[in-house]
Amino acid sequence: KYPVGDLNKDSMETVFNGPDMKQLRKNMLANKP
């Protein structure tokens, strides 16, 4: 229920560095769930 993007609309690179993926990395580096 929490997709980070849509590859039928955007490129992999766009999704890979989309807002949800960027937030996920920030959380992990800060040891946040």
ModelCIF file with pLDDT and N, C-alpha, C, O atoms, coordinates in Angstrom:
data_MODEL
#
_entry.id   MODEL 
#
_entity.id                         1 
_entity.type                       polymer 
_entity.pdbx_number_of_molecules   1 
#
_entity_poly.entity_id                      1 
_entity_poly.type                           'polypeptide(L)' 
_entity_poly.nstd_linkage                   no 
_entity_poly.nstd_monomer                   no 
_entity_poly.pdbx_seq_one_letter_code       KYPVGDLNKDSMETVFNGPDMKQLRKNMLANKP 
_entity_poly.pdbx_seq_one_letter_code_can   KYPVGDLNKDSMETVFNGPDMKQLRKNMLANKP 
_entity_poly.pdbx_strand_id                 A 
#
loop_
_entity_poly_seq.entity_id 
_entity_poly_seq.num 
_entity_poly_seq.mon_id 
_entity_poly_seq.hetero 
1 1  LYS n 
1 2  TYR n 
1 3  PRO n 
1 4  VAL n 
1 5  GLY n 
1 6  ASP n 
1 7  LEU n 
1 8  ASN n 
1 9  LYS n 
1 10 ASP n 
1 11 SER n 
1 12 MET n 
1 13 GLU n 
1 14 THR n 
1 15 VAL n 
1 16 PHE n 
1 17 ASN n 
1 18 GLY n 
1 19 PRO n 
1 20 ASP n 
1 21 MET n 
1 22 LYS n 
1 23 GLN n 
1 24 LEU n 
1 25 ARG n 
1 26 LYS n 
1 27 ASN n 
1 28 MET n 
1 29 LEU n 
1 30 ALA n 
1 31 ASN n 
1 32 LYS n 
1 33 PRO n 
#
_struct_asym.id          A 
_struct_asym.entity_id   1 
#
loop_
_ma_qa_metric.id 
_ma_qa_metric.mode 
_ma_qa_metric.name 
_ma_qa_metric.software_group_id 
_ma_qa_metric.type 
1 global pLDDT . pLDDT 
2 local  pLDDT . pLDDT 
#
_ma_qa_metric_global.metric_id      1 
_ma_qa_metric_global.metric_value   96.55 
_ma_qa_metric_global.model_id       1 
_ma_qa_metric_global.ordinal_id     1 
#
loop_
_ma_qa_metric_local.label_asym_id 
_ma_qa_metric_local.label_comp_id 
_ma_qa_metric_local.label_seq_id 
_ma_qa_metric_local.metric_id 
_ma_qa_metric_local.metric_value 
_ma_qa_metric_local.model_id 
_ma_qa_metric_local.ordinal_id 
A LYS 1  2 92.00 1 1  
A TYR 2  2 95.00 1 2  
A PRO 3  2 96.00 1 3  
A VAL 4  2 97.00 1 4  
A GLY 5  2 96.00 1 5  
A ASP 6  2 96.00 1 6  
A LEU 7  2 95.00 1 7  
A ASN 8  2 95.00 1 8  
A LYS 9  2 96.00 1 9  
A ASP 10 2 96.00 1 10 
A SER 11 2 96.00 1 11 
A MET 12 2 95.00 1 12 
A GLU 13 2 96.00 1 13 
A THR 14 2 97.00 1 14 
A VAL 15 2 97.00 1 15 
A PHE 16 2 97.00 1 16 
A ASN 17 2 98.00 1 17 
A GLY 18 2 97.00 1 18 
A PRO 19 2 98.00 1 19 
A ASP 20 2 97.00 1 20 
A MET 21 2 98.00 1 21 
A LYS 22 2 98.00 1 22 
A GLN 23 2 98.00 1 23 
A LEU 24 2 98.00 1 24 
A ARG 25 2 98.00 1 25 
A LYS 26 2 98.00 1 26 
A ASN 27 2 97.00 1 27 
A MET 28 2 97.00 1 28 
A LEU 29 2 97.00 1 29 
A ALA 30 2 96.00 1 30 
A ASN 31 2 96.00 1 31 
A LYS 32 2 97.00 1 32 
A PRO 33 2 96.00 1 33 
#
loop_
_atom_site.group_PDB 
_atom_site.id 
_atom_site.type_symbol 
_atom_site.label_atom_id 
_atom_site.label_alt_id 
_atom_site.label_comp_id 
_atom_site.label_asym_id 
_atom_site.label_entity_id 
_atom_site.label_seq_id 
_atom_site.pdbx_PDB_ins_code 
_atom_site.Cartn_x 
_atom_site.Cartn_y 
_atom_site.Cartn_z 
_atom_site.occupancy 
_atom_site.B_iso_or_equiv 
_atom_site.pdbx_formal_charge 
_atom_site.auth_seq_id 
_atom_site.auth_comp_id 
_atom_site.auth_asym_id 
_atom_site.auth_atom_id 
_atom_site.pdbx_PDB_model_num 
ATOM 1   N N  . LYS A 1 1  ? 0.805  -1.215 0.000   1.00 92.00 ? 1  LYS A N  1 
ATOM 2   C CA . LYS A 1 1  ? 0.000  0.000  0.000   1.00 92.00 ? 1  LYS A CA 1 
ATOM 3   C C  . LYS A 1 1  ? 0.842  1.270  0.000   1.00 92.00 ? 1  LYS A C  1 
ATOM 4   O O  . LYS A 1 1  ? 0.315  2.382  0.013   1.00 92.00 ? 1  LYS A O  1 
ATOM 5   N N  . TYR A 1 2  ? 2.187  1.080  -0.015  1.00 95.00 ? 2  TYR A N  1 
ATOM 6   C CA . TYR A 1 2  ? 3.075  2.245  -0.034  1.00 95.00 ? 2  TYR A CA 1 
ATOM 7   C C  . TYR A 1 2  ? 4.057  2.193  -1.208  1.00 95.00 ? 2  TYR A C  1 
ATOM 8   O O  . TYR A 1 2  ? 5.264  2.095  -0.986  1.00 95.00 ? 2  TYR A O  1 
ATOM 9   N N  . PRO A 1 3  ? 3.575  2.255  -2.439  1.00 96.00 ? 3  PRO A N  1 
ATOM 10  C CA . PRO A 1 3  ? 4.503  2.277  -3.583  1.00 96.00 ? 3  PRO A CA 1 
ATOM 11  C C  . PRO A 1 3  ? 5.334  3.545  -3.584  1.00 96.00 ? 3  PRO A C  1 
ATOM 12  O O  . PRO A 1 3  ? 4.922  4.570  -3.040  1.00 96.00 ? 3  PRO A O  1 
ATOM 13  N N  . VAL A 1 4  ? 6.509  3.471  -4.199  1.00 97.00 ? 4  VAL A N  1 
ATOM 14  C CA . VAL A 1 4  ? 7.391  4.634  -4.278  1.00 97.00 ? 4  VAL A CA 1 
ATOM 15  C C  . VAL A 1 4  ? 7.388  5.257  -5.664  1.00 97.00 ? 4  VAL A C  1 
ATOM 16  O O  . VAL A 1 4  ? 8.120  6.214  -5.915  1.00 97.00 ? 4  VAL A O  1 
ATOM 17  N N  . GLY A 1 5  ? 6.572  4.724  -6.567  1.00 96.00 ? 5  GLY A N  1 
ATOM 18  C CA . GLY A 1 5  ? 6.497  5.272  -7.915  1.00 96.00 ? 5  GLY A CA 1 
ATOM 19  C C  . GLY A 1 5  ? 5.767  4.330  -8.846  1.00 96.00 ? 5  GLY A C  1 
ATOM 20  O O  . GLY A 1 5  ? 5.240  3.301  -8.422  1.00 96.00 ? 5  GLY A O  1 
ATOM 21  N N  . ASP A 1 6  ? 5.740  4.694  -10.129 1.00 96.00 ? 6  ASP A N  1 
ATOM 22  C CA . ASP A 1 6  ? 5.027  3.911  -11.143 1.00 96.00 ? 6  ASP A CA 1 
ATOM 23  C C  . ASP A 1 6  ? 5.881  3.854  -12.403 1.00 96.00 ? 6  ASP A C  1 
ATOM 24  O O  . ASP A 1 6  ? 6.079  4.871  -13.069 1.00 96.00 ? 6  ASP A O  1 
ATOM 25  N N  . LEU A 1 7  ? 6.386  2.671  -12.730 1.00 95.00 ? 7  LEU A N  1 
ATOM 26  C CA . LEU A 1 7  ? 7.246  2.505  -13.901 1.00 95.00 ? 7  LEU A CA 1 
ATOM 27  C C  . LEU A 1 7  ? 6.475  2.492  -15.215 1.00 95.00 ? 7  LEU A C  1 
ATOM 28  O O  . LEU A 1 7  ? 7.076  2.484  -16.289 1.00 95.00 ? 7  LEU A O  1 
ATOM 29  N N  . ASN A 1 8  ? 5.166  2.490  -15.136 1.00 95.00 ? 8  ASN A N  1 
ATOM 30  C CA . ASN A 1 8  ? 4.370  2.657  -16.349 1.00 95.00 ? 8  ASN A CA 1 
ATOM 31  C C  . ASN A 1 8  ? 4.147  4.130  -16.680 1.00 95.00 ? 8  ASN A C  1 
ATOM 32  O O  . ASN A 1 8  ? 3.560  4.459  -17.711 1.00 95.00 ? 8  ASN A O  1 
ATOM 33  N N  . LYS A 1 9  ? 4.614  5.010  -15.804 1.00 96.00 ? 9  LYS A N  1 
ATOM 34  C CA . LYS A 1 9  ? 4.507  6.454  -16.028 1.00 96.00 ? 9  LYS A CA 1 
ATOM 35  C C  . LYS A 1 9  ? 5.869  7.143  -16.059 1.00 96.00 ? 9  LYS A C  1 
ATOM 36  O O  . LYS A 1 9  ? 6.075  8.091  -16.818 1.00 96.00 ? 9  LYS A O  1 
ATOM 37  N N  . ASP A 1 10 ? 6.800  6.662  -15.230 1.00 96.00 ? 10 ASP A N  1 
ATOM 38  C CA . ASP A 1 10 ? 8.108  7.313  -15.108 1.00 96.00 ? 10 ASP A CA 1 
ATOM 39  C C  . ASP A 1 10 ? 9.241  6.315  -15.335 1.00 96.00 ? 10 ASP A C  1 
ATOM 40  O O  . ASP A 1 10 ? 9.038  5.103  -15.275 1.00 96.00 ? 10 ASP A O  1 
ATOM 41  N N  . SER A 1 11 ? 10.435 6.843  -15.596 1.00 96.00 ? 11 SER A N  1 
ATOM 42  C CA . SER A 1 11 ? 11.615 5.998  -15.768 1.00 96.00 ? 11 SER A CA 1 
ATOM 43  C C  . SER A 1 11 ? 12.062 5.442  -14.419 1.00 96.00 ? 11 SER A C  1 
ATOM 44  O O  . SER A 1 11 ? 11.674 5.948  -13.366 1.00 96.00 ? 11 SER A O  1 
ATOM 45  N N  . MET A 1 12 ? 12.886 4.390  -14.467 1.00 95.00 ? 12 MET A N  1 
ATOM 46  C CA . MET A 1 12 ? 13.450 3.833  -13.248 1.00 95.00 ? 12 MET A CA 1 
ATOM 47  C C  . MET A 1 12 ? 14.265 4.876  -12.491 1.00 95.00 ? 12 MET A C  1 
ATOM 48  O O  . MET A 1 12 ? 14.179 4.970  -11.266 1.00 95.00 ? 12 MET A O  1 
ATOM 49  N N  . GLU A 1 13 ? 15.046 5.650  -13.216 1.00 96.00 ? 13 GLU A N  1 
ATOM 50  C CA . GLU A 1 13 ? 15.900 6.650  -12.572 1.00 96.00 ? 13 GLU A CA 1 
ATOM 51  C C  . GLU A 1 13 ? 15.054 7.690  -11.833 1.00 96.00 ? 13 GLU A C  1 
ATOM 52  O O  . GLU A 1 13 ? 15.401 8.105  -10.727 1.00 96.00 ? 13 GLU A O  1 
ATOM 53  N N  . THR A 1 14 ? 13.944 8.107  -12.448 1.00 97.00 ? 14 THR A N  1 
ATOM 54  C CA . THR A 1 14 ? 13.061 9.079  -11.801 1.00 97.00 ? 14 THR A CA 1 
ATOM 55  C C  . THR A 1 14 ? 12.487 8.510  -10.509 1.00 97.00 ? 14 THR A C  1 
ATOM 56  O O  . THR A 1 14 ? 12.450 9.202  -9.492  1.00 97.00 ? 14 THR A O  1 
ATOM 57  N N  . VAL A 1 15 ? 12.041 7.263  -10.537 1.00 97.00 ? 15 VAL A N  1 
ATOM 58  C CA . VAL A 1 15 ? 11.472 6.622  -9.357  1.00 97.00 ? 15 VAL A CA 1 
ATOM 59  C C  . VAL A 1 15 ? 12.547 6.375  -8.306  1.00 97.00 ? 15 VAL A C  1 
ATOM 60  O O  . VAL A 1 15 ? 12.319 6.582  -7.114  1.00 97.00 ? 15 VAL A O  1 
ATOM 61  N N  . PHE A 1 16 ? 13.718 5.931  -8.753  1.00 97.00 ? 16 PHE A N  1 
ATOM 62  C CA . PHE A 1 16 ? 14.823 5.611  -7.856  1.00 97.00 ? 16 PHE A CA 1 
ATOM 63  C C  . PHE A 1 16 ? 15.199 6.812  -6.987  1.00 97.00 ? 16 PHE A C  1 
ATOM 64  O O  . PHE A 1 16 ? 15.552 6.650  -5.819  1.00 97.00 ? 16 PHE A O  1 
ATOM 65  N N  . ASN A 1 17 ? 15.125 7.996  -7.549  1.00 98.00 ? 17 ASN A N  1 
ATOM 66  C CA . ASN A 1 17 ? 15.430 9.199  -6.792  1.00 98.00 ? 17 ASN A CA 1 
ATOM 67  C C  . ASN A 1 17 ? 14.196 10.099 -6.630  1.00 98.00 ? 17 ASN A C  1 
ATOM 68  O O  . ASN A 1 17 ? 14.291 11.326 -6.601  1.00 98.00 ? 17 ASN A O  1 
ATOM 69  N N  . GLY A 1 18 ? 13.052 9.445  -6.529  1.00 97.00 ? 18 GLY A N  1 
ATOM 70  C CA . GLY A 1 18 ? 11.829 10.159 -6.228  1.00 97.00 ? 18 GLY A CA 1 
ATOM 71  C C  . GLY A 1 18 ? 11.752 10.487 -4.748  1.00 97.00 ? 18 GLY A C  1 
ATOM 72  O O  . GLY A 1 18 ? 12.593 10.024 -3.978  1.00 97.00 ? 18 GLY A O  1 
ATOM 73  N N  . PRO A 1 19 ? 10.770 11.271 -4.325  1.00 98.00 ? 19 PRO A N  1 
ATOM 74  C CA . PRO A 1 19 ? 10.683 11.730 -2.936  1.00 98.00 ? 19 PRO A CA 1 
ATOM 75  C C  . PRO A 1 19 ? 10.585 10.608 -1.902  1.00 98.00 ? 19 PRO A C  1 
ATOM 76  O O  . PRO A 1 19 ? 11.168 10.716 -0.824  1.00 98.00 ? 19 PRO A O  1 
ATOM 77  N N  . ASP A 1 20 ? 9.854  9.527  -2.215  1.00 97.00 ? 20 ASP A N  1 
ATOM 78  C CA . ASP A 1 20 ? 9.702  8.437  -1.248  1.00 97.00 ? 20 ASP A CA 1 
ATOM 79  C C  . ASP A 1 20 ? 10.993 7.660  -1.044  1.00 97.00 ? 20 ASP A C  1 
ATOM 80  O O  . ASP A 1 20 ? 11.336 7.306  0.084   1.00 97.00 ? 20 ASP A O  1 
ATOM 81  N N  . MET A 1 21 ? 11.710 7.391  -2.133  1.00 98.00 ? 21 MET A N  1 
ATOM 82  C CA . MET A 1 21 ? 12.979 6.675  -2.018  1.00 98.00 ? 21 MET A CA 1 
ATOM 83  C C  . MET A 1 21 ? 14.030 7.519  -1.301  1.00 98.00 ? 21 MET A C  1 
ATOM 84  O O  . MET A 1 21 ? 14.820 6.997  -0.514  1.00 98.00 ? 21 MET A O  1 
ATOM 85  N N  . LYS A 1 22 ? 14.037 8.802  -1.570  1.00 98.00 ? 22 LYS A N  1 
ATOM 86  C CA . LYS A 1 22 ? 15.003 9.686  -0.907  1.00 98.00 ? 22 LYS A CA 1 
ATOM 87  C C  . LYS A 1 22 ? 14.722 9.748  0.597   1.00 98.00 ? 22 LYS A C  1 
ATOM 88  O O  . LYS A 1 22 ? 15.654 9.730  1.400   1.00 98.00 ? 22 LYS A O  1 
ATOM 89  N N  . GLN A 1 23 ? 13.455 9.820  0.977   1.00 98.00 ? 23 GLN A N  1 
ATOM 90  C CA . GLN A 1 23 ? 13.102 9.850  2.390   1.00 98.00 ? 23 GLN A CA 1 
ATOM 91  C C  . GLN A 1 23 ? 13.468 8.536  3.067   1.00 98.00 ? 23 GLN A C  1 
ATOM 92  O O  . GLN A 1 23 ? 13.925 8.528  4.211   1.00 98.00 ? 23 GLN A O  1 
ATOM 93  N N  . LEU A 1 24 ? 13.271 7.438  2.370   1.00 98.00 ? 24 LEU A N  1 
ATOM 94  C CA . LEU A 1 24 ? 13.607 6.117  2.900   1.00 98.00 ? 24 LEU A CA 1 
ATOM 95  C C  . LEU A 1 24 ? 15.101 6.045  3.237   1.00 98.00 ? 24 LEU A C  1 
ATOM 96  O O  . LEU A 1 24 ? 15.469 5.571  4.312   1.00 98.00 ? 24 LEU A O  1 
ATOM 97  N N  . ARG A 1 25 ? 15.945 6.501  2.345   1.00 98.00 ? 25 ARG A N  1 
ATOM 98  C CA . ARG A 1 25 ? 17.386 6.498  2.595   1.00 98.00 ? 25 ARG A CA 1 
ATOM 99  C C  . ARG A 1 25 ? 17.750 7.386  3.780   1.00 98.00 ? 25 ARG A C  1 
ATOM 100 O O  . ARG A 1 25 ? 18.575 7.008  4.611   1.00 98.00 ? 25 ARG A O  1 
ATOM 101 N N  . LYS A 1 26 ? 17.139 8.559  3.860   1.00 98.00 ? 26 LYS A N  1 
ATOM 102 C CA . LYS A 1 26 ? 17.412 9.462  4.977   1.00 98.00 ? 26 LYS A CA 1 
ATOM 103 C C  . LYS A 1 26 ? 17.023 8.797  6.304   1.00 98.00 ? 26 LYS A C  1 
ATOM 104 O O  . LYS A 1 26 ? 17.760 8.888  7.286   1.00 98.00 ? 26 LYS A O  1 
ATOM 105 N N  . ASN A 1 27 ? 15.869 8.131  6.328   1.00 97.00 ? 27 ASN A N  1 
ATOM 106 C CA . ASN A 1 27 ? 15.429 7.433  7.537   1.00 97.00 ? 27 ASN A CA 1 
ATOM 107 C C  . ASN A 1 27 ? 16.419 6.359  7.950   1.00 97.00 ? 27 ASN A C  1 
ATOM 108 O O  . ASN A 1 27 ? 16.762 6.234  9.126   1.00 97.00 ? 27 ASN A O  1 
ATOM 109 N N  . MET A 1 28 ? 16.872 5.588  6.978   1.00 97.00 ? 28 MET A N  1 
ATOM 110 C CA . MET A 1 28 ? 17.770 4.475  7.291   1.00 97.00 ? 28 MET A CA 1 
ATOM 111 C C  . MET A 1 28 ? 19.103 4.962  7.819   1.00 97.00 ? 28 MET A C  1 
ATOM 112 O O  . MET A 1 28 ? 19.651 4.365  8.745   1.00 97.00 ? 28 MET A O  1 
ATOM 113 N N  . LEU A 1 29 ? 19.626 6.013  7.264   1.00 97.00 ? 29 LEU A N  1 
ATOM 114 C CA . LEU A 1 29 ? 20.904 6.551  7.726   1.00 97.00 ? 29 LEU A CA 1 
ATOM 115 C C  . LEU A 1 29 ? 20.785 7.168  9.111   1.00 97.00 ? 29 LEU A C  1 
ATOM 116 O O  . LEU A 1 29 ? 21.779 7.307  9.823   1.00 97.00 ? 29 LEU A O  1 
ATOM 117 N N  . ALA A 1 30 ? 19.561 7.540  9.493   1.00 96.00 ? 30 ALA A N  1 
ATOM 118 C CA . ALA A 1 30 ? 19.326 8.125  10.812  1.00 96.00 ? 30 ALA A CA 1 
ATOM 119 C C  . ALA A 1 30 ? 18.741 7.107  11.789  1.00 96.00 ? 30 ALA A C  1 
ATOM 120 O O  . ALA A 1 30 ? 18.343 7.465  12.898  1.00 96.00 ? 30 ALA A O  1 
ATOM 121 N N  . ASN A 1 31 ? 18.688 5.828  11.375  1.00 96.00 ? 31 ASN A N  1 
ATOM 122 C CA . ASN A 1 31 ? 18.117 4.752  12.184  1.00 96.00 ? 31 ASN A CA 1 
ATOM 123 C C  . ASN A 1 31 ? 16.674 5.045  12.590  1.00 96.00 ? 31 ASN A C  1 
ATOM 124 O O  . ASN A 1 31 ? 16.279 4.817  13.734  1.00 96.00 ? 31 ASN A O  1 
ATOM 125 N N  . LYS A 1 32 ? 15.906 5.549  11.645  1.00 97.00 ? 32 LYS A N  1 
ATOM 126 C CA . LYS A 1 32 ? 14.489 5.798  11.861  1.00 97.00 ? 32 LYS A CA 1 
ATOM 127 C C  . LYS A 1 32 ? 13.664 4.770  11.072  1.00 97.00 ? 32 LYS A C  1 
ATOM 128 O O  . LYS A 1 32 ? 14.042 4.425  9.953   1.00 97.00 ? 32 LYS A O  1 
ATOM 129 N N  . PRO A 1 33 ? 12.559 4.278  11.620  1.00 96.00 ? 33 PRO A N  1 
ATOM 130 C CA . PRO A 1 33 ? 11.731 3.314  10.900  1.00 96.00 ? 33 PRO A CA 1 
ATOM 131 C C  . PRO A 1 33 ? 11.008 3.953  9.716   1.00 96.00 ? 33 PRO A C  1 
ATOM 132 O O  . PRO A 1 33 ? 10.269 3.273  9.004   1.00 96.00 ? 33 PRO A O  1 
#
